Amino acid sequence: MKTRRTLAWLFAAALLALPAFAARAAESNLSAVGEKSLLTPDGTLYVVRAGLAASLGIAGGDISPTATVIEWTSRRQDGTVALGLVPGTVGQNTKRNLDLAYDESSGSLILLWKEEVTILNYLHLAVLRNGVWSQADFLPDSAFTFAFNPRMLLSHQTVRTQDADGKTVAQTRSILSLIWWEDSQDAQARYAPIFLDETVSSSDVVIYDLPSLTGGGDGRTSPGAHSSSSYMYPALQLDGPSGAILASFADLNADKQFVLRITYPDDLGRPGPNNATWLRRRIPVVGVTSEGPIADTPVMQYAVSTVIGASYKPTLLWRGDNAVGYTRFDGKKWSSVKTIPLDDSMSYDRALRLVEEMATKN
């Protein structure tokens, strides 16, 4: 199995205060590169935006108007507002593909983004916990390596351990799963699990080439006649309340689309270096739930989403200029592309909801 251990953890000492925020230029109408919002169970609203400092209205002092930054704000139910820049994000490189998650058990806000450099790009993960940001970088193998369309999914698994008296103790662990498409010498989907309830170091986090988890992944990859929209958008989805996740991706070498069900050992025994089960607690247990041809999607510039139905058959969907498009896998072949035209009586949100409802029953 081909894996990579290249996660470098960089810890920030404190939040970065920004006096310039108080004098934000409200009249600025320039749009941000990206924005994500998240509501936590206690009612706190988080908003994260990435873009030029001038576009976000926060230039001034040591921050150049042309710098690309990521700002965050939070508003609690009592009206308390906190705001600042995510440490280490002030620079000239573009930040895209923002994604947010919140782990209630640890009170952690989790932010994922992609940073674009001239000859490569890489993924960042930042965690806000107890008022302090920590940051991790997913570094590429070499130059001319590009990560695309990163996504993350937070799941919770009930595990059983034994205490010093041999009694069984049940607890819940939080698992953050990351997935993205990496385009290099071998173009393929990649997956990385991070266990938030444990202290994580660079030697603990393993990045998997998803085709290798099916027993494949050998040989050079080529898209052949497939459009990039048919393979560059791997996806994650929860599989019920068990903590299992589903990973949907295209394997260009095998010329197939897979859906994998990924779980982790849950009966761990007594923690310690002499317990083989405990040592395997972070190793994924993988099963193939769906296998078929790669979808024949049109050449387009739109982001593609995946909904995996109750019988593990995927549906790909996207928003076009004037319609929501989709194609459905029936277990043997993909349907022809279907569309729902958008007009005054059919909004994008309504059309998307209709396709999702159909796809979940697939």
Protein backbone atom coordinates (compact mmCIF):
# COMPACT_ATOMS: atom_id res chain seq x y z
CA MET A 1 0.00 0.00 0.00
CA LYS A 2 1.42 3.31 -1.04
CA THR A 3 1.28 5.95 1.68
CA ARG A 4 2.90 9.27 2.41
CA ARG A 5 3.83 10.77 5.76
CA THR A 6 4.41 14.42 4.95
CA LEU A 7 2.14 16.28 7.33
CA ALA A 8 4.09 19.03 9.04
CA TRP A 9 2.47 20.59 12.09
CA LEU A 10 3.11 24.28 12.72
CA PHE A 11 1.76 25.72 15.96
CA ALA A 12 0.77 29.38 16.31
CA ALA A 13 1.52 31.01 19.64
CA ALA A 14 -1.58 33.18 19.81
CA LEU A 15 -4.37 34.85 17.89
CA LEU A 16 -3.39 37.70 15.63
CA ALA A 17 -5.04 40.93 16.75
CA LEU A 18 -6.19 43.28 14.03
CA PRO A 19 -6.95 46.86 15.06
CA ALA A 20 -7.66 47.62 11.43
CA PHE A 21 -10.83 45.55 11.65
CA ALA A 22 -12.48 48.21 13.79
CA ALA A 23 -12.15 50.67 10.95
CA ARG A 24 -13.27 48.30 8.20
CA ALA A 25 -14.21 50.07 5.01
CA ALA A 26 -17.92 49.32 4.88
CA GLU A 27 -18.25 50.87 1.47
CA SER A 28 -16.01 48.24 -0.12
CA ASN A 29 -18.08 46.26 -2.63
CA LEU A 30 -15.31 44.04 -3.94
CA SER A 31 -16.16 40.36 -3.56
CA ALA A 32 -14.09 37.86 -1.61
CA VAL A 33 -12.39 34.93 -3.31
CA GLY A 34 -14.33 32.58 -1.07
CA GLU A 35 -16.58 32.52 1.97
CA LYS A 36 -17.85 29.82 4.32
CA SER A 37 -20.23 30.02 7.26
CA LEU A 38 -20.96 27.52 10.03
CA LEU A 39 -23.43 27.44 12.93
CA THR A 40 -22.37 25.45 15.99
CA PRO A 41 -24.79 23.59 18.31
CA ASP A 42 -24.52 26.33 20.97
CA GLY A 43 -25.63 28.95 18.42
CA THR A 44 -22.25 30.51 17.64
CA LEU A 45 -21.98 31.69 14.05
CA TYR A 46 -18.58 31.49 12.37
CA VAL A 47 -17.80 33.19 9.05
CA VAL A 48 -14.50 32.73 7.21
CA ARG A 49 -13.56 34.74 4.13
CA ALA A 50 -10.52 34.63 1.85
CA GLY A 51 -9.46 37.29 -0.63
CA LEU A 52 -7.43 40.42 -1.20
CA ALA A 53 -7.10 42.58 1.89
CA ALA A 54 -8.53 45.47 -0.13
CA SER A 55 -11.49 43.36 -1.20
CA LEU A 56 -12.22 42.41 2.41
CA GLY A 57 -11.83 45.99 3.62
CA ILE A 58 -9.06 45.22 6.12
CA ALA A 59 -5.98 46.75 4.49
CA GLY A 60 -3.92 49.08 6.61
CA GLY A 61 -0.98 49.09 8.96
CA ASP A 62 1.30 46.19 8.07
CA ILE A 63 -1.25 44.62 5.72
CA SER A 64 -0.84 45.53 2.04
CA PRO A 65 -4.03 46.02 0.01
CA THR A 66 -2.70 43.43 -2.47
CA ALA A 67 -2.03 40.78 0.18
CA THR A 68 -4.25 37.69 0.12
CA VAL A 69 -5.54 36.84 3.58
CA ILE A 70 -8.08 34.70 5.43
CA GLU A 71 -10.21 36.46 8.03
CA TRP A 72 -12.52 34.84 10.56
CA THR A 73 -15.31 36.17 12.72
CA SER A 74 -17.56 34.62 15.35
CA ARG A 75 -20.75 35.85 16.98
CA ARG A 76 -22.07 34.15 20.11
CA GLN A 77 -25.67 34.12 21.29
CA ASP A 78 -24.93 36.82 23.89
CA GLY A 79 -23.75 39.14 21.12
CA THR A 80 -20.01 38.74 21.79
CA VAL A 81 -18.03 39.15 18.57
CA ALA A 82 -14.48 37.90 17.96
CA LEU A 83 -12.54 38.46 14.77
CA GLY A 84 -9.04 38.29 13.36
CA LEU A 85 -6.83 36.79 10.69
CA VAL A 86 -5.97 33.12 10.61
CA PRO A 87 -2.26 33.17 11.57
CA GLY A 88 0.18 32.69 8.72
CA THR A 89 -2.28 33.49 5.94
CA VAL A 90 -1.07 36.99 4.99
CA GLY A 91 0.84 36.72 1.70
CA GLN A 92 0.66 36.96 -2.05
CA ASN A 93 -0.50 33.41 -2.77
CA THR A 94 -4.17 32.84 -3.54
CA LYS A 95 -6.23 30.89 -0.99
CA ARG A 96 -9.20 28.91 -2.31
CA ASN A 97 -11.56 26.00 -1.56
CA LEU A 98 -12.47 27.01 1.98
CA ASP A 99 -14.21 24.32 4.04
CA LEU A 100 -15.36 24.39 7.67
CA ALA A 101 -16.23 21.79 10.31
CA TYR A 102 -16.87 21.92 14.06
CA ASP A 103 -16.13 19.22 16.61
CA GLU A 104 -18.45 19.74 19.58
CA SER A 105 -16.68 17.28 21.88
CA SER A 106 -13.43 19.25 21.79
CA GLY A 107 -14.90 22.68 20.97
CA SER A 108 -12.74 22.92 17.85
CA LEU A 109 -13.39 24.93 14.71
CA ILE A 110 -11.61 23.29 11.77
CA LEU A 111 -10.69 25.18 8.58
CA LEU A 112 -9.38 23.67 5.36
CA TRP A 113 -8.09 25.62 2.37
CA LYS A 114 -5.84 25.33 -0.66
CA GLU A 115 -2.95 27.73 -1.30
CA GLU A 116 -1.75 28.23 -4.84
CA VAL A 117 1.93 28.76 -5.61
CA THR A 118 3.46 29.19 -9.06
CA ILE A 119 4.62 25.62 -9.67
CA LEU A 120 2.63 23.74 -7.03
CA ASN A 121 -0.10 24.08 -4.48
CA TYR A 122 -0.78 22.47 -1.16
CA LEU A 123 -3.45 22.12 1.48
CA HIS A 124 -3.63 23.77 4.88
CA LEU A 125 -5.60 22.68 7.91
CA ALA A 126 -6.07 25.07 10.83
CA VAL A 127 -7.81 24.33 14.13
CA LEU A 128 -9.16 26.96 16.53
CA ARG A 129 -9.36 25.49 20.02
CA ASN A 130 -9.52 27.38 23.32
CA GLY A 131 -8.79 30.64 21.52
CA VAL A 132 -5.57 29.42 19.88
CA TRP A 133 -5.00 28.43 16.25
CA SER A 134 -2.81 25.49 15.26
CA GLN A 135 -1.97 24.81 11.64
CA ALA A 136 -0.94 21.87 9.48
CA ASP A 137 0.38 21.80 5.92
CA PHE A 138 -0.07 18.99 3.43
CA LEU A 139 3.09 19.30 1.37
CA PRO A 140 3.36 17.94 -2.18
CA ASP A 141 5.84 15.23 -3.14
CA SER A 142 7.64 17.55 -5.54
CA ALA A 143 7.26 20.61 -7.71
CA PHE A 144 4.59 20.59 -10.42
CA THR A 145 2.21 18.75 -8.09
CA PHE A 146 -1.25 20.20 -7.74
CA ALA A 147 -4.08 19.46 -5.30
CA PHE A 148 -7.63 20.11 -6.47
CA ASN A 149 -11.08 20.21 -4.90
CA PRO A 150 -10.24 19.34 -1.28
CA ARG A 151 -13.11 18.39 1.00
CA MET A 152 -13.33 17.24 4.60
CA LEU A 153 -15.85 15.36 6.69
CA LEU A 154 -16.08 14.98 10.46
CA SER A 155 -17.36 11.67 11.83
CA HIS A 156 -17.67 10.16 15.29
CA GLN A 157 -17.05 6.55 16.24
CA THR A 158 -17.86 4.76 19.50
CA VAL A 159 -14.87 2.68 20.59
CA ARG A 160 -14.26 0.35 23.51
CA THR A 161 -11.05 0.24 25.53
CA GLN A 162 -9.99 -1.38 28.80
CA ASP A 163 -8.88 0.54 31.83
CA ALA A 164 -6.15 -0.52 34.27
CA ASP A 165 -8.63 -2.77 36.10
CA GLY A 166 -9.65 -4.57 32.91
CA LYS A 167 -13.08 -2.93 32.79
CA THR A 168 -14.52 -2.00 29.40
CA VAL A 169 -14.81 1.75 28.81
CA ALA A 170 -16.85 3.16 25.93
CA GLN A 171 -15.91 6.52 24.45
CA THR A 172 -16.42 8.52 21.29
CA ARG A 173 -13.54 9.57 19.08
CA SER A 174 -13.65 12.28 16.44
CA ILE A 175 -12.19 11.46 13.03
CA LEU A 176 -11.56 14.18 10.45
CA SER A 177 -11.36 12.74 6.93
CA LEU A 178 -9.81 14.72 4.08
CA ILE A 179 -10.09 13.90 0.40
CA TRP A 180 -8.75 15.65 -2.71
CA TRP A 181 -7.60 15.06 -6.27
CA GLU A 182 -3.87 15.29 -6.84
CA ASP A 183 -2.51 15.85 -10.31
CA SER A 184 1.12 14.90 -10.75
CA GLN A 185 2.94 12.03 -12.43
CA ASP A 186 0.21 9.78 -11.04
CA ALA A 187 -3.13 11.62 -11.06
CA GLN A 188 -5.38 10.15 -8.39
CA ALA A 189 -7.64 10.74 -5.41
CA ARG A 190 -6.01 10.90 -1.99
CA TYR A 191 -7.37 10.41 1.50
CA ALA A 192 -6.06 11.34 4.95
CA PRO A 193 -7.69 10.56 8.33
CA ILE A 194 -6.85 12.71 11.35
CA PHE A 195 -7.87 11.61 14.85
CA LEU A 196 -8.72 14.75 16.75
CA ASP A 197 -8.89 13.14 20.19
CA GLU A 198 -5.23 12.14 20.05
CA THR A 199 -2.02 14.12 19.95
CA VAL A 200 -0.99 14.09 16.31
CA SER A 201 2.52 14.41 14.94
CA SER A 202 3.92 14.27 11.43
CA SER A 203 4.68 10.57 11.82
CA ASP A 204 1.12 9.72 12.86
CA VAL A 205 -0.86 10.97 9.87
CA VAL A 206 -0.84 8.79 6.78
CA ILE A 207 -2.02 9.91 3.35
CA TYR A 208 -3.45 7.09 1.24
CA ASP A 209 -3.70 6.85 -2.53
CA LEU A 210 -7.33 5.76 -2.74
CA PRO A 211 -6.82 3.37 -5.70
CA SER A 212 -4.33 1.44 -3.54
CA LEU A 213 -7.08 0.73 -1.00
CA THR A 214 -8.90 -1.30 -3.67
CA GLY A 215 -5.76 -3.24 -4.56
CA GLY A 216 -5.05 -1.13 -7.63
CA GLY A 217 -3.09 2.00 -8.34
CA ASP A 218 -0.22 0.43 -10.28
CA GLY A 219 0.97 1.99 -13.52
CA ARG A 220 0.77 5.45 -15.05
CA THR A 221 -2.59 7.18 -15.10
CA SER A 222 -4.21 8.85 -18.08
CA PRO A 223 -7.65 10.49 -18.34
CA GLY A 224 -8.15 9.01 -21.79
CA ALA A 225 -11.38 10.33 -23.28
CA HIS A 226 -12.82 11.39 -19.91
CA SER A 227 -13.46 15.06 -19.21
CA SER A 228 -11.87 16.41 -16.04
CA SER A 229 -15.32 16.96 -14.51
CA SER A 230 -15.82 13.18 -14.43
CA TYR A 231 -12.85 12.38 -12.19
CA MET A 232 -11.43 15.47 -10.43
CA TYR A 233 -14.09 15.71 -7.71
CA PRO A 234 -13.73 12.88 -5.17
CA ALA A 235 -16.30 13.04 -2.38
CA LEU A 236 -16.98 11.92 1.18
CA GLN A 237 -20.30 11.13 2.84
CA LEU A 238 -21.39 9.70 6.18
CA ASP A 239 -22.86 6.20 6.16
CA GLY A 240 -25.41 6.38 8.94
CA PRO A 241 -24.74 6.83 12.67
CA SER A 242 -22.05 4.14 12.96
CA GLY A 243 -19.18 6.51 12.19
CA ALA A 244 -18.41 4.82 8.86
CA ILE A 245 -17.76 7.05 5.87
CA LEU A 246 -18.16 6.58 2.13
CA ALA A 247 -15.52 7.73 -0.35
CA SER A 248 -16.44 8.11 -4.02
CA PHE A 249 -13.64 8.53 -6.56
CA ALA A 250 -12.47 7.69 -10.07
CA ASP A 251 -9.48 5.39 -10.63
CA LEU A 252 -8.02 6.42 -13.99
CA ASN A 253 -5.65 3.46 -14.12
CA ALA A 254 -8.48 0.95 -13.71
CA ASP A 255 -10.89 3.20 -15.66
CA LYS A 256 -13.51 2.70 -12.94
CA GLN A 257 -15.56 4.67 -10.45
CA PHE A 258 -15.52 3.29 -6.90
CA VAL A 259 -17.45 3.86 -3.72
CA LEU A 260 -15.58 2.63 -0.64
CA ARG A 261 -16.92 2.16 2.86
CA ILE A 262 -14.22 3.11 5.36
CA THR A 263 -14.31 2.20 9.04
CA TYR A 264 -11.77 1.81 11.83
CA PRO A 265 -11.32 -0.80 14.58
CA ASP A 266 -13.69 -0.15 17.50
CA ASP A 267 -12.76 -2.83 20.06
CA LEU A 268 -9.31 -1.56 20.98
CA GLY A 269 -8.52 -3.33 24.25
CA ARG A 270 -6.00 -1.87 26.66
CA PRO A 271 -3.99 1.08 25.28
CA GLY A 272 -0.30 0.34 25.00
CA PRO A 273 2.55 -0.70 22.71
CA ASN A 274 2.07 -4.41 23.44
CA ASN A 275 -1.51 -4.48 22.16
CA ALA A 276 -1.59 -5.11 18.40
CA THR A 277 -5.25 -4.09 18.14
CA TRP A 278 -4.51 -0.77 19.81
CA LEU A 279 -1.63 -0.16 17.41
CA ARG A 280 -3.99 -0.77 14.46
CA ARG A 281 -6.63 1.70 15.70
CA ARG A 282 -5.83 4.23 12.95
CA ILE A 283 -5.63 1.78 10.05
CA PRO A 284 -8.71 1.95 7.81
CA VAL A 285 -10.88 -1.10 7.21
CA VAL A 286 -12.07 -0.79 3.63
CA GLY A 287 -14.79 -2.45 1.59
CA VAL A 288 -15.88 -1.79 -1.99
CA THR A 289 -19.62 -1.05 -2.05
CA SER A 290 -19.93 0.10 -5.66
CA GLU A 291 -17.77 -0.36 -8.75
CA GLY A 292 -18.49 0.68 -12.31
CA PRO A 293 -17.36 2.76 -15.27
CA ILE A 294 -16.32 6.39 -14.96
CA ALA A 295 -19.20 8.74 -15.70
CA ASP A 296 -19.40 10.48 -19.06
CA THR A 297 -19.91 14.06 -17.92
CA PRO A 298 -19.68 17.05 -20.28
CA VAL A 299 -16.63 19.28 -20.56
CA MET A 300 -17.38 22.19 -18.22
CA GLN A 301 -15.96 24.52 -15.62
CA TYR A 302 -18.53 23.81 -12.91
CA ALA A 303 -17.83 22.05 -9.63
CA VAL A 304 -19.29 18.56 -9.39
CA SER A 305 -20.92 17.15 -6.25
CA THR A 306 -21.66 13.53 -5.41
CA VAL A 307 -24.62 12.07 -3.54
CA ILE A 308 -24.35 8.38 -2.61
CA GLY A 309 -27.71 6.67 -2.31
CA ALA A 310 -28.98 4.09 0.16
CA SER A 311 -27.80 1.26 -2.10
CA TYR A 312 -24.35 2.91 -2.48
CA LYS A 313 -24.95 4.05 -6.07
CA PRO A 314 -23.55 7.53 -6.75
CA THR A 315 -25.20 10.44 -8.53
CA LEU A 316 -23.08 13.28 -9.87
CA LEU A 317 -24.64 16.75 -10.05
CA TRP A 318 -23.57 20.26 -10.98
CA ARG A 319 -24.90 23.72 -11.65
CA GLY A 320 -24.74 25.01 -15.20
CA ASP A 321 -25.51 28.48 -16.51
CA ASN A 322 -29.26 27.94 -16.61
CA ALA A 323 -29.84 24.44 -15.25
CA VAL A 324 -28.83 21.84 -12.70
CA GLY A 325 -27.36 18.82 -14.43
CA TYR A 326 -26.88 15.29 -13.14
CA THR A 327 -26.13 11.72 -14.12
CA ARG A 328 -27.10 8.64 -12.09
CA PHE A 329 -25.35 5.26 -11.78
CA ASP A 330 -27.82 2.35 -11.73
CA GLY A 331 -25.34 -0.35 -10.75
CA LYS A 332 -24.29 -1.15 -14.31
CA LYS A 333 -24.12 2.06 -16.30
CA TRP A 334 -24.50 5.81 -15.98
CA SER A 335 -27.60 7.53 -17.28
CA SER A 336 -27.46 10.12 -19.99
CA VAL A 337 -27.08 13.65 -18.62
CA LYS A 338 -30.35 15.03 -17.26
CA THR A 339 -31.11 18.67 -16.52
CA ILE A 340 -33.59 20.75 -14.56
CA PRO A 341 -33.91 24.19 -16.22
CA LEU A 342 -33.76 27.16 -13.86
CA ASP A 343 -36.35 29.93 -14.14
CA ASP A 344 -38.59 32.08 -11.95
CA SER A 345 -40.48 29.02 -10.76
CA MET A 346 -37.44 26.77 -10.26
CA SER A 347 -34.58 28.15 -8.19
CA TYR A 348 -31.16 26.57 -7.96
CA ASP A 349 -31.73 25.55 -4.33
CA ARG A 350 -35.04 23.87 -5.18
CA ALA A 351 -33.59 22.02 -8.18
CA LEU A 352 -30.60 20.91 -6.13
CA ARG A 353 -32.85 19.63 -3.35
CA LEU A 354 -34.95 17.65 -5.85
CA VAL A 355 -31.87 15.94 -7.31
CA GLU A 356 -30.47 15.20 -3.85
CA GLU A 357 -33.77 13.68 -2.70
CA MET A 358 -33.85 11.49 -5.80
CA ALA A 359 -30.20 10.52 -5.41
CA THR A 360 -30.50 9.44 -1.77
CA LYS A 361 -33.01 6.79 -2.84
CA ASN A 362 -30.71 5.53 -5.61
